[in-house]
Amino acid sequence: MINNDNRIRIIIGHYGSGKTEFSMNYITKLKKLTKKKVAIADLDVVNVYFRTREKKDLLESLNIIAIDSSVNASTLDLPSVSAKVMTPLNDESYEYLMDAGGDNVGARVVGRFAHLIKENDYDMFCVVNANREQTQTAEGVIRHIREIEKASKLKVTGLINNTHLIRSTTIDDVLRGQEVAKEVSKACNIPIKYVTCLENLVDQLPKDLEGEVFPIKLYMREDWM
């Protein structure tokens, strides 16, 4: 269960992996399971599309604290991160999720705060989409993990099989991604924490998958997208 994960959750993943969609689903589920303060930080200062800051009004309507750029101007996109990012790191009354950028440049932003993150107080989950060019194989995923770990100065503690084609996702996509995730898990001794799946496909999944099945809805894609 997500409320059993460590207090600080850092979500990484290659561009197009769906890490922000996962982050939105995760944080909204977490809010329903805890009475503590819940915050999410958008640390992506590179990619200008599909970021949690686009859903700030929704998050705040759910009483989730949304932290993004230090510049409060929706028409500007500047590579800055609010100092407010540090507050939930230092305050154990928060449950916290950090949605990081999609490569080692984004991970370096996390690395700026690594000295504030205690070893037993965080999880860093790598979102894997085996339908993306650079993470179609275990070797590609492992290379990505090593780059992220070096840049962030933190260790990946769990894998998320998020293999998808948005609304065209099939069970075969999920299962193919699961095989890649299993190879990475075995090679790196990193457990598969979650297996995501569109809500309408969950009943078709095998019952013996490694990792917890995590039904998702599409927050970041409008109906026409």
C-alpha atoms as a PDB file:
ATOM      1  CA  MET A   1       0.000   0.000   0.000  1.00  0.00           C
ATOM      2  CA  ILE A   2       1.216   3.470  -0.830  1.00  0.00           C
ATOM      3  CA  ASN A   3       0.824   4.683   2.750  1.00  0.00           C
ATOM      4  CA  ASN A   4       3.474   2.110   3.731  1.00  0.00           C
ATOM      5  CA  ASP A   5       6.086   3.655   1.433  1.00  0.00           C
ATOM      6  CA  ASN A   6       8.679   5.919   3.005  1.00  0.00           C
ATOM      7  CA  ARG A   7       7.578   9.456   3.806  1.00  0.00           C
ATOM      8  CA  ILE A   8       9.422  11.095   0.900  1.00  0.00           C
ATOM      9  CA  ARG A   9       8.655   9.583  -2.507  1.00  0.00           C
ATOM     10  CA  ILE A  10      10.790  10.650  -5.468  1.00  0.00           C
ATOM     11  CA  ILE A  11       9.405   9.662  -8.876  1.00  0.00           C
ATOM     12  CA  ILE A  12      11.829   9.416 -11.792  1.00  0.00           C
ATOM     13  CA  GLY A  13      11.475   8.074 -15.299  1.00  0.00           C
ATOM     14  CA  HIS A  14      12.412   8.724 -18.907  1.00  0.00           C
ATOM     15  CA  TYR A  15      10.499  11.310 -20.929  1.00  0.00           C
ATOM     16  CA  GLY A  16       7.186   9.813 -22.012  1.00  0.00           C
ATOM     17  CA  SER A  17       7.263   7.141 -19.320  1.00  0.00           C
ATOM     18  CA  GLY A  18       4.126   8.541 -17.691  1.00  0.00           C
ATOM     19  CA  LYS A  19       5.776   9.463 -14.393  1.00  0.00           C
ATOM     20  CA  THR A  20       3.689  12.607 -13.956  1.00  0.00           C
ATOM     21  CA  GLU A  21       0.464  10.702 -14.629  1.00  0.00           C
ATOM     22  CA  PHE A  22       1.576   8.156 -12.041  1.00  0.00           C
ATOM     23  CA  SER A  23       2.468  10.954  -9.619  1.00  0.00           C
ATOM     24  CA  MET A  24      -0.983  12.499  -9.947  1.00  0.00           C
ATOM     25  CA  ASN A  25      -2.688   9.171  -9.313  1.00  0.00           C
ATOM     26  CA  TYR A  26      -0.362   8.359  -6.424  1.00  0.00           C
ATOM     27  CA  ILE A  27      -0.737  11.662  -4.592  1.00  0.00           C
ATOM     28  CA  THR A  28      -4.535  11.725  -4.887  1.00  0.00           C
ATOM     29  CA  LYS A  29      -4.785   8.163  -3.570  1.00  0.00           C
ATOM     30  CA  LEU A  30      -2.358   8.966  -0.762  1.00  0.00           C
ATOM     31  CA  LYS A  31      -4.416  11.950   0.325  1.00  0.00           C
ATOM     32  CA  LYS A  32      -7.409   9.657   0.847  1.00  0.00           C
ATOM     33  CA  LEU A  33      -5.364   7.329   3.057  1.00  0.00           C
ATOM     34  CA  THR A  34      -3.707   9.739   5.458  1.00  0.00           C
ATOM     35  CA  LYS A  35      -4.681  12.519   7.823  1.00  0.00           C
ATOM     36  CA  LYS A  36      -1.245  14.110   7.545  1.00  0.00           C
ATOM     37  CA  LYS A  37      -0.400  17.082   5.363  1.00  0.00           C
ATOM     38  CA  VAL A  38       0.295  15.965   1.785  1.00  0.00           C
ATOM     39  CA  ALA A  39       2.504  17.879  -0.643  1.00  0.00           C
ATOM     40  CA  ILE A  40       3.753  17.359  -4.192  1.00  0.00           C
ATOM     41  CA  ALA A  41       6.678  19.190  -5.773  1.00  0.00           C
ATOM     42  CA  ASP A  42       7.100  19.602  -9.527  1.00  0.00           C
ATOM     43  CA  LEU A  43      10.872  19.506 -10.050  1.00  0.00           C
ATOM     44  CA  ASP A  44      10.800  19.259 -13.837  1.00  0.00           C
ATOM     45  CA  VAL A  45      12.605  22.364 -15.075  1.00  0.00           C
ATOM     46  CA  VAL A  46      13.269  20.918 -18.555  1.00  0.00           C
ATOM     47  CA  ASN A  47      10.095  19.519 -20.105  1.00  0.00           C
ATOM     48  CA  VAL A  48       7.328  22.096 -20.551  1.00  0.00           C
ATOM     49  CA  TYR A  49       4.487  19.620 -21.144  1.00  0.00           C
ATOM     50  CA  PHE A  50       2.399  17.342 -18.899  1.00  0.00           C
ATOM     51  CA  ARG A  51       3.607  18.524 -15.526  1.00  0.00           C
ATOM     52  CA  THR A  52       1.808  18.451 -12.217  1.00  0.00           C
ATOM     53  CA  ARG A  53       1.836  22.263 -12.060  1.00  0.00           C
ATOM     54  CA  GLU A  54      -0.804  22.166 -14.829  1.00  0.00           C
ATOM     55  CA  LYS A  55      -3.164  20.598 -12.278  1.00  0.00           C
ATOM     56  CA  LYS A  56      -2.376  22.915  -9.389  1.00  0.00           C
ATOM     57  CA  ASP A  57      -5.979  24.074  -8.998  1.00  0.00           C
ATOM     58  CA  LEU A  58      -7.214  20.482  -8.876  1.00  0.00           C
ATOM     59  CA  LEU A  59      -4.567  19.475  -6.359  1.00  0.00           C
ATOM     60  CA  GLU A  60      -5.308  22.397  -4.093  1.00  0.00           C
ATOM     61  CA  SER A  61      -9.040  21.672  -4.289  1.00  0.00           C
ATOM     62  CA  LEU A  62      -8.176  18.265  -2.810  1.00  0.00           C
ATOM     63  CA  ASN A  63      -6.192  19.939  -0.012  1.00  0.00           C
ATOM     64  CA  ILE A  64      -2.881  18.812  -1.521  1.00  0.00           C
ATOM     65  CA  ILE A  65      -0.070  21.362  -1.306  1.00  0.00           C
ATOM     66  CA  ALA A  66       1.386  21.893  -4.796  1.00  0.00           C
ATOM     67  CA  ILE A  67       4.915  23.292  -5.060  1.00  0.00           C
ATOM     68  CA  ASP A  68       6.405  24.359  -8.405  1.00  0.00           C
ATOM     69  CA  SER A  69       8.357  27.257  -9.881  1.00  0.00           C
ATOM     70  CA  SER A  70       9.409  30.113  -7.640  1.00  0.00           C
ATOM     71  CA  VAL A  71       8.075  32.463 -10.313  1.00  0.00           C
ATOM     72  CA  ASN A  72       4.312  32.841 -10.097  1.00  0.00           C
ATOM     73  CA  ALA A  73       3.581  33.499 -13.776  1.00  0.00           C
ATOM     74  CA  SER A  74       1.651  30.921 -15.772  1.00  0.00           C
ATOM     75  CA  THR A  75       2.790  32.341 -19.130  1.00  0.00           C
ATOM     76  CA  LEU A  76       6.471  31.970 -18.291  1.00  0.00           C
ATOM     77  CA  ASP A  77       8.516  28.803 -18.106  1.00  0.00           C
ATOM     78  CA  LEU A  78      11.725  29.403 -16.204  1.00  0.00           C
ATOM     79  CA  PRO A  79      14.238  26.843 -14.891  1.00  0.00           C
ATOM     80  CA  SER A  80      13.657  27.645 -11.246  1.00  0.00           C
ATOM     81  CA  VAL A  81      12.412  25.708  -8.240  1.00  0.00           C
ATOM     82  CA  SER A  82      10.759  27.245  -5.217  1.00  0.00           C
ATOM     83  CA  ALA A  83      12.574  27.187  -1.896  1.00  0.00           C
ATOM     84  CA  LYS A  84       9.304  25.777  -0.539  1.00  0.00           C
ATOM     85  CA  VAL A  85      10.551  22.411  -1.802  1.00  0.00           C
ATOM     86  CA  MET A  86      12.650  22.146   1.349  1.00  0.00           C
ATOM     87  CA  THR A  87       9.840  22.598   3.864  1.00  0.00           C
ATOM     88  CA  PRO A  88       8.320  19.068   3.590  1.00  0.00           C
ATOM     89  CA  LEU A  89      11.816  17.563   3.467  1.00  0.00           C
ATOM     90  CA  ASN A  90      12.555  18.963   6.919  1.00  0.00           C
ATOM     91  CA  ASP A  91       9.072  18.667   8.420  1.00  0.00           C
ATOM     92  CA  GLU A  92       8.076  15.089   9.250  1.00  0.00           C
ATOM     93  CA  SER A  93       4.425  16.066   9.589  1.00  0.00           C
ATOM     94  CA  TYR A  94       4.232  15.953   5.770  1.00  0.00           C
ATOM     95  CA  GLU A  95       3.772  13.074   3.366  1.00  0.00           C
ATOM     96  CA  TYR A  96       5.742  14.188   0.318  1.00  0.00           C
ATOM     97  CA  LEU A  97       6.095  13.341  -3.368  1.00  0.00           C
ATOM     98  CA  MET A  98       8.725  14.841  -5.654  1.00  0.00           C
ATOM     99  CA  ASP A  99       8.048  14.559  -9.396  1.00  0.00           C
ATOM    100  CA  ALA A 100      11.531  14.825 -10.918  1.00  0.00           C
ATOM    101  CA  GLY A 101      12.650  15.660 -14.444  1.00  0.00           C
ATOM    102  CA  GLY A 102      13.028  12.944 -17.047  1.00  0.00           C
ATOM    103  CA  ASP A 103      16.804  12.610 -17.353  1.00  0.00           C
ATOM    104  CA  ASN A 104      20.023  13.209 -15.446  1.00  0.00           C
ATOM    105  CA  VAL A 105      19.539  16.976 -15.847  1.00  0.00           C
ATOM    106  CA  GLY A 106      16.246  16.696 -13.965  1.00  0.00           C
ATOM    107  CA  ALA A 107      17.850  14.368 -11.440  1.00  0.00           C
ATOM    108  CA  ARG A 108      20.495  16.969 -10.642  1.00  0.00           C
ATOM    109  CA  VAL A 109      17.692  19.143  -9.288  1.00  0.00           C
ATOM    110  CA  VAL A 110      16.929  16.337  -6.814  1.00  0.00           C
ATOM    111  CA  GLY A 111      20.640  16.130  -6.064  1.00  0.00           C
ATOM    112  CA  ARG A 112      20.563  19.724  -4.808  1.00  0.00           C
ATOM    113  CA  PHE A 113      18.419  18.531  -1.908  1.00  0.00           C
ATOM    114  CA  ALA A 114      19.994  15.097  -1.344  1.00  0.00           C
ATOM    115  CA  HIS A 115      21.815  16.267   1.787  1.00  0.00           C
ATOM    116  CA  LEU A 116      18.417  16.926   3.398  1.00  0.00           C
ATOM    117  CA  ILE A 117      17.036  13.452   2.671  1.00  0.00           C
ATOM    118  CA  LYS A 118      17.663  10.776   5.272  1.00  0.00           C
ATOM    119  CA  GLU A 119      18.488   7.275   4.039  1.00  0.00           C
ATOM    120  CA  ASN A 120      15.507   5.577   5.704  1.00  0.00           C
ATOM    121  CA  ASP A 121      13.067   8.411   5.023  1.00  0.00           C
ATOM    122  CA  TYR A 122      12.743   8.169   1.230  1.00  0.00           C
ATOM    123  CA  ASP A 123      11.882   5.923  -1.682  1.00  0.00           C
ATOM    124  CA  MET A 124      12.958   6.690  -5.222  1.00  0.00           C
ATOM    125  CA  PHE A 125      10.760   4.889  -7.719  1.00  0.00           C
ATOM    126  CA  CYS A 126      11.748   4.469 -11.363  1.00  0.00           C
ATOM    127  CA  VAL A 127       8.786   4.512 -13.760  1.00  0.00           C
ATOM    128  CA  VAL A 128       9.396   2.119 -16.659  1.00  0.00           C
ATOM    129  CA  ASN A 129       7.531   2.307 -19.959  1.00  0.00           C
ATOM    130  CA  ALA A 130       8.849  -0.448 -22.224  1.00  0.00           C
ATOM    131  CA  ASN A 131       7.103   1.201 -25.171  1.00  0.00           C
ATOM    132  CA  ARG A 132       9.565   4.092 -25.090  1.00  0.00           C
ATOM    133  CA  GLU A 133      12.608   3.852 -27.343  1.00  0.00           C
ATOM    134  CA  GLN A 134      15.309   4.155 -24.706  1.00  0.00           C
ATOM    135  CA  THR A 135      13.666   1.873 -22.131  1.00  0.00           C
ATOM    136  CA  GLN A 136      12.460  -1.009 -24.298  1.00  0.00           C
ATOM    137  CA  THR A 137      15.094  -3.330 -22.845  1.00  0.00           C
ATOM    138  CA  ALA A 138      16.411  -4.098 -19.383  1.00  0.00           C
ATOM    139  CA  GLU A 139      19.793  -2.763 -20.464  1.00  0.00           C
ATOM    140  CA  GLY A 140      18.278   0.581 -21.410  1.00  0.00           C
ATOM    141  CA  VAL A 141      16.399   0.854 -18.119  1.00  0.00           C
ATOM    142  CA  ILE A 142      19.479  -0.053 -16.080  1.00  0.00           C
ATOM    143  CA  ARG A 143      21.544   2.550 -17.924  1.00  0.00           C
ATOM    144  CA  HIS A 144      18.886   5.156 -17.151  1.00  0.00           C
ATOM    145  CA  ILE A 145      18.794   4.153 -13.468  1.00  0.00           C
ATOM    146  CA  ARG A 146      22.567   4.440 -13.124  1.00  0.00           C
ATOM    147  CA  GLU A 147      22.579   7.906 -14.705  1.00  0.00           C
ATOM    148  CA  ILE A 148      19.780   9.067 -12.419  1.00  0.00           C
ATOM    149  CA  GLU A 149      21.424   7.659  -9.296  1.00  0.00           C
ATOM    150  CA  LYS A 150      24.704   9.377 -10.118  1.00  0.00           C
ATOM    151  CA  ALA A 151      23.060  12.735 -10.773  1.00  0.00           C
ATOM    152  CA  SER A 152      20.644  12.628  -7.826  1.00  0.00           C
ATOM    153  CA  LYS A 153      23.126  11.134  -5.315  1.00  0.00           C
ATOM    154  CA  LEU A 154      20.319   8.779  -4.225  1.00  0.00           C
ATOM    155  CA  LYS A 155      19.435   5.141  -4.893  1.00  0.00           C
ATOM    156  CA  VAL A 156      16.421   3.766  -6.739  1.00  0.00           C
ATOM    157  CA  THR A 157      14.447   1.645  -4.264  1.00  0.00           C
ATOM    158  CA  GLY A 158      11.588   0.403  -6.425  1.00  0.00           C
ATOM    159  CA  LEU A 159      10.386  -0.105  -9.992  1.00  0.00           C
ATOM    160  CA  ILE A 160       7.013   0.846 -11.452  1.00  0.00           C
ATOM    161  CA  ASN A 161       5.918  -0.987 -14.584  1.00  0.00           C
ATOM    162  CA  ASN A 162       3.974   1.735 -16.349  1.00  0.00           C
ATOM    163  CA  THR A 163       4.131   0.348 -19.878  1.00  0.00           C
ATOM    164  CA  HIS A 164       1.371   1.997 -21.848  1.00  0.00           C
ATOM    165  CA  LEU A 165       0.141   3.528 -25.095  1.00  0.00           C
ATOM    166  CA  ILE A 166      -2.218   5.931 -23.331  1.00  0.00           C
ATOM    167  CA  ARG A 167      -5.815   4.956 -24.230  1.00  0.00           C
ATOM    168  CA  SER A 168      -4.612   2.317 -26.708  1.00  0.00           C
ATOM    169  CA  THR A 169      -2.876   0.324 -23.971  1.00  0.00           C
ATOM    170  CA  THR A 170      -3.524  -3.430 -23.967  1.00  0.00           C
ATOM    171  CA  ILE A 171      -2.840  -6.162 -21.448  1.00  0.00           C
ATOM    172  CA  ASP A 172      -0.050  -7.370 -23.739  1.00  0.00           C
ATOM    173  CA  ASP A 173       1.671  -3.995 -23.320  1.00  0.00           C
ATOM    174  CA  VAL A 174       1.535  -4.292 -19.534  1.00  0.00           C
ATOM    175  CA  LEU A 175       2.810  -7.876 -19.540  1.00  0.00           C
ATOM    176  CA  ARG A 176       5.660  -7.114 -21.943  1.00  0.00           C
ATOM    177  CA  GLY A 177       6.705  -4.262 -19.697  1.00  0.00           C
ATOM    178  CA  GLN A 178       6.507  -6.593 -16.734  1.00  0.00           C
ATOM    179  CA  GLU A 179       9.084  -8.900 -18.299  1.00  0.00           C
ATOM    180  CA  VAL A 180      11.478  -5.973 -18.748  1.00  0.00           C
ATOM    181  CA  ALA A 181      10.864  -4.849 -15.159  1.00  0.00           C
ATOM    182  CA  LYS A 182      11.526  -8.383 -13.881  1.00  0.00           C
ATOM    183  CA  GLU A 183      14.876  -8.482 -15.699  1.00  0.00           C
ATOM    184  CA  VAL A 184      15.871  -5.139 -14.182  1.00  0.00           C
ATOM    185  CA  SER A 185      14.679  -6.239 -10.745  1.00  0.00           C
ATOM    186  CA  LYS A 186      16.773  -9.396 -10.881  1.00  0.00           C
ATOM    187  CA  ALA A 187      19.888  -7.685 -12.239  1.00  0.00           C
ATOM    188  CA  CYS A 188      19.792  -4.732  -9.819  1.00  0.00           C
ATOM    189  CA  ASN A 189      18.076  -6.291  -6.796  1.00  0.00           C
ATOM    190  CA  ILE A 190      15.379  -3.599  -6.930  1.00  0.00           C
ATOM    191  CA  PRO A 191      11.814  -4.771  -6.208  1.00  0.00           C
ATOM    192  CA  ILE A 192       8.867  -4.137  -8.523  1.00  0.00           C
ATOM    193  CA  LYS A 193       6.631  -1.982  -6.345  1.00  0.00           C
ATOM    194  CA  TYR A 194       3.680  -1.237  -8.629  1.00  0.00           C
ATOM    195  CA  VAL A 195       2.171  -2.399 -11.899  1.00  0.00           C
ATOM    196  CA  THR A 196      -0.018   0.335 -13.340  1.00  0.00           C
ATOM    197  CA  CYS A 197      -3.015  -0.348 -15.510  1.00  0.00           C
ATOM    198  CA  LEU A 198      -5.979   1.637 -16.796  1.00  0.00           C
ATOM    199  CA  GLU A 199      -8.932   1.019 -14.524  1.00  0.00           C
ATOM    200  CA  ASN A 200     -10.943  -0.766 -17.244  1.00  0.00           C
ATOM    201  CA  LEU A 201      -8.155  -3.323 -17.806  1.00  0.00           C
ATOM    202  CA  VAL A 202      -7.401  -4.317 -14.220  1.00  0.00           C
ATOM    203  CA  ASP A 203      -9.680  -7.370 -14.168  1.00  0.00           C
ATOM    204  CA  GLN A 204      -7.788  -8.839 -17.130  1.00  0.00           C
ATOM    205  CA  LEU A 205      -4.416  -8.897 -15.373  1.00  0.00           C
ATOM    206  CA  PRO A 206      -2.969 -12.162 -14.022  1.00  0.00           C
ATOM    207  CA  LYS A 207      -3.288 -12.537 -10.259  1.00  0.00           C
ATOM    208  CA  ASP A 208       0.335 -13.534  -9.650  1.00  0.00           C
ATOM    209  CA  LEU A 209       2.200 -10.436 -10.868  1.00  0.00           C
ATOM    210  CA  GLU A 210       5.204  -9.189  -8.946  1.00  0.00           C
ATOM    211  CA  GLY A 211       4.284  -5.834  -7.453  1.00  0.00           C
ATOM    212  CA  GLU A 212       0.994  -4.288  -6.423  1.00  0.00           C
ATOM    213  CA  VAL A 213      -1.545  -3.607  -9.171  1.00  0.00           C
ATOM    214  CA  PHE A 214      -2.114   0.144  -9.310  1.00  0.00           C
ATOM    215  CA  PRO A 215      -5.225   1.231 -11.266  1.00  0.00           C
ATOM    216  CA  ILE A 216      -4.873   4.667 -12.839  1.00  0.00           C
ATOM    217  CA  LYS A 217      -7.073   7.287 -14.441  1.00  0.00           C
ATOM    218  CA  LEU A 218      -5.850   9.864 -16.928  1.00  0.00           C
ATOM    219  CA  TYR A 219      -5.436  13.204 -15.191  1.00  0.00           C
ATOM    220  CA  MET A 220      -2.864  14.650 -17.595  1.00  0.00           C
ATOM    221  CA  ARG A 221      -4.664  13.868 -20.862  1.00  0.00           C
ATOM    222  CA  GLU A 222      -7.841  15.634 -21.808  1.00  0.00           C
ATOM    223  CA  ASP A 223     -10.538  13.544 -23.520  1.00  0.00           C
ATOM    224  CA  TRP A 224      -9.522  14.846 -26.935  1.00  0.00           C
ATOM    225  CA  MET A 225      -5.814  14.001 -26.513  1.00  0.00           C
END
